[in-house]
């Protein structure tokens, strides 16, 4: 975000080390988030399908 809003994020640089340490954890969370996203998409598609069929 800092490249888009440099004035709002003046102290981003020190956080780079934290990101490196948390990288493996974030990677696992990405898999979980991806599954949740697939599930949410499925539910949305089902709801949209019901509306389209007039249920």
C-alpha atoms as a PDB file:
ATOM      1  CA  UNK A   1       0.000   0.000   0.000  1.00  0.00           C
ATOM      2  CA  UNK A   2       2.886   2.358   0.723  1.00  0.00           C
ATOM      3  CA  UNK A   3       3.702   2.875  -2.955  1.00  0.00           C
ATOM      4  CA  UNK A   4       0.175   4.193  -3.515  1.00  0.00           C
ATOM      5  CA  UNK A   5      -0.088   6.308  -0.362  1.00  0.00           C
ATOM      6  CA  UNK A   6       3.443   7.290   0.712  1.00  0.00           C
ATOM      7  CA  UNK A   7       2.169  10.129   2.910  1.00  0.00           C
ATOM      8  CA  UNK A   8      -0.130   7.826   4.879  1.00  0.00           C
ATOM      9  CA  UNK A   9       2.478   5.117   5.442  1.00  0.00           C
ATOM     10  CA  UNK A  10       5.723   6.868   6.390  1.00  0.00           C
ATOM     11  CA  UNK A  11       7.052   4.023   8.593  1.00  0.00           C
ATOM     12  CA  UNK A  12       6.581   0.946   6.419  1.00  0.00           C
ATOM     13  CA  UNK A  13      10.254   0.065   5.976  1.00  0.00           C
ATOM     14  CA  UNK A  14      10.841  -1.386   9.503  1.00  0.00           C
ATOM     15  CA  UNK A  15       7.952  -3.814   8.895  1.00  0.00           C
ATOM     16  CA  UNK A  16       9.793  -5.582   6.071  1.00  0.00           C
ATOM     17  CA  UNK A  17      11.613  -7.838   8.558  1.00  0.00           C
ATOM     18  CA  UNK A  18       8.345  -8.855  10.205  1.00  0.00           C
ATOM     19  CA  UNK A  19       6.888  -9.848   6.832  1.00  0.00           C
ATOM     20  CA  UNK A  20       9.868 -12.110   6.184  1.00  0.00           C
ATOM     21  CA  UNK A  21       9.446 -13.851   9.547  1.00  0.00           C
ATOM     22  CA  UNK A  22       5.711 -14.363   9.061  1.00  0.00           C
ATOM     23  CA  UNK A  23       5.958 -15.513   5.449  1.00  0.00           C
ATOM     24  CA  UNK A  24       5.444 -19.279   6.134  1.00  0.00           C
ATOM     25  CA  UNK A  25       2.407 -18.554   8.315  1.00  0.00           C
ATOM     26  CA  UNK A  26       0.924 -16.251   5.700  1.00  0.00           C
ATOM     27  CA  UNK A  27       1.455 -18.936   3.078  1.00  0.00           C
ATOM     28  CA  UNK A  28      -0.626 -21.430   5.079  1.00  0.00           C
ATOM     29  CA  UNK A  29      -3.313 -18.810   5.606  1.00  0.00           C
ATOM     30  CA  UNK A  30      -3.440 -18.262   1.851  1.00  0.00           C
ATOM     31  CA  UNK A  31      -4.399 -21.898   1.351  1.00  0.00           C
ATOM     32  CA  UNK A  32      -7.107 -21.631   4.010  1.00  0.00           C
ATOM     33  CA  UNK A  33      -8.344 -18.363   2.536  1.00  0.00           C
ATOM     34  CA  UNK A  34      -8.403 -19.919  -0.937  1.00  0.00           C
ATOM     35  CA  UNK A  35     -10.595 -22.803   0.277  1.00  0.00           C
ATOM     36  CA  UNK A  36     -12.888 -20.348   2.055  1.00  0.00           C
ATOM     37  CA  UNK A  37     -13.078 -18.273  -1.102  1.00  0.00           C
ATOM     38  CA  UNK A  38     -13.984 -21.331  -3.189  1.00  0.00           C
ATOM     39  CA  UNK A  39     -16.682 -22.239  -0.664  1.00  0.00           C
ATOM     40  CA  UNK A  40     -18.055 -18.689  -0.594  1.00  0.00           C
ATOM     41  CA  UNK A  41     -18.086 -18.618  -4.400  1.00  0.00           C
ATOM     42  CA  UNK A  42     -19.967 -21.909  -4.475  1.00  0.00           C
ATOM     43  CA  UNK A  43     -22.557 -20.604  -2.011  1.00  0.00           C
ATOM     44  CA  UNK A  44     -22.947 -17.363  -3.984  1.00  0.00           C
ATOM     45  CA  UNK A  45     -23.374 -19.339  -7.205  1.00  0.00           C
ATOM     46  CA  UNK A  46     -26.041 -21.514  -5.581  1.00  0.00           C
ATOM     47  CA  UNK A  47     -27.895 -18.445  -4.287  1.00  0.00           C
ATOM     48  CA  UNK A  48     -27.644 -16.754  -7.673  1.00  0.00           C
ATOM     49  CA  UNK A  49     -28.889 -19.900  -9.361  1.00  0.00           C
ATOM     50  CA  UNK A  50     -31.907 -20.085  -7.048  1.00  0.00           C
ATOM     51  CA  UNK A  51     -32.771 -16.451  -7.790  1.00  0.00           C
ATOM     52  CA  UNK A  52     -32.389 -17.072 -11.523  1.00  0.00           C
ATOM     53  CA  UNK A  53     -34.759 -20.062 -11.329  1.00  0.00           C
ATOM     54  CA  UNK A  54     -37.264 -18.080  -9.280  1.00  0.00           C
ATOM     55  CA  UNK A  55     -36.970 -20.077  -6.030  1.00  0.00           C
END
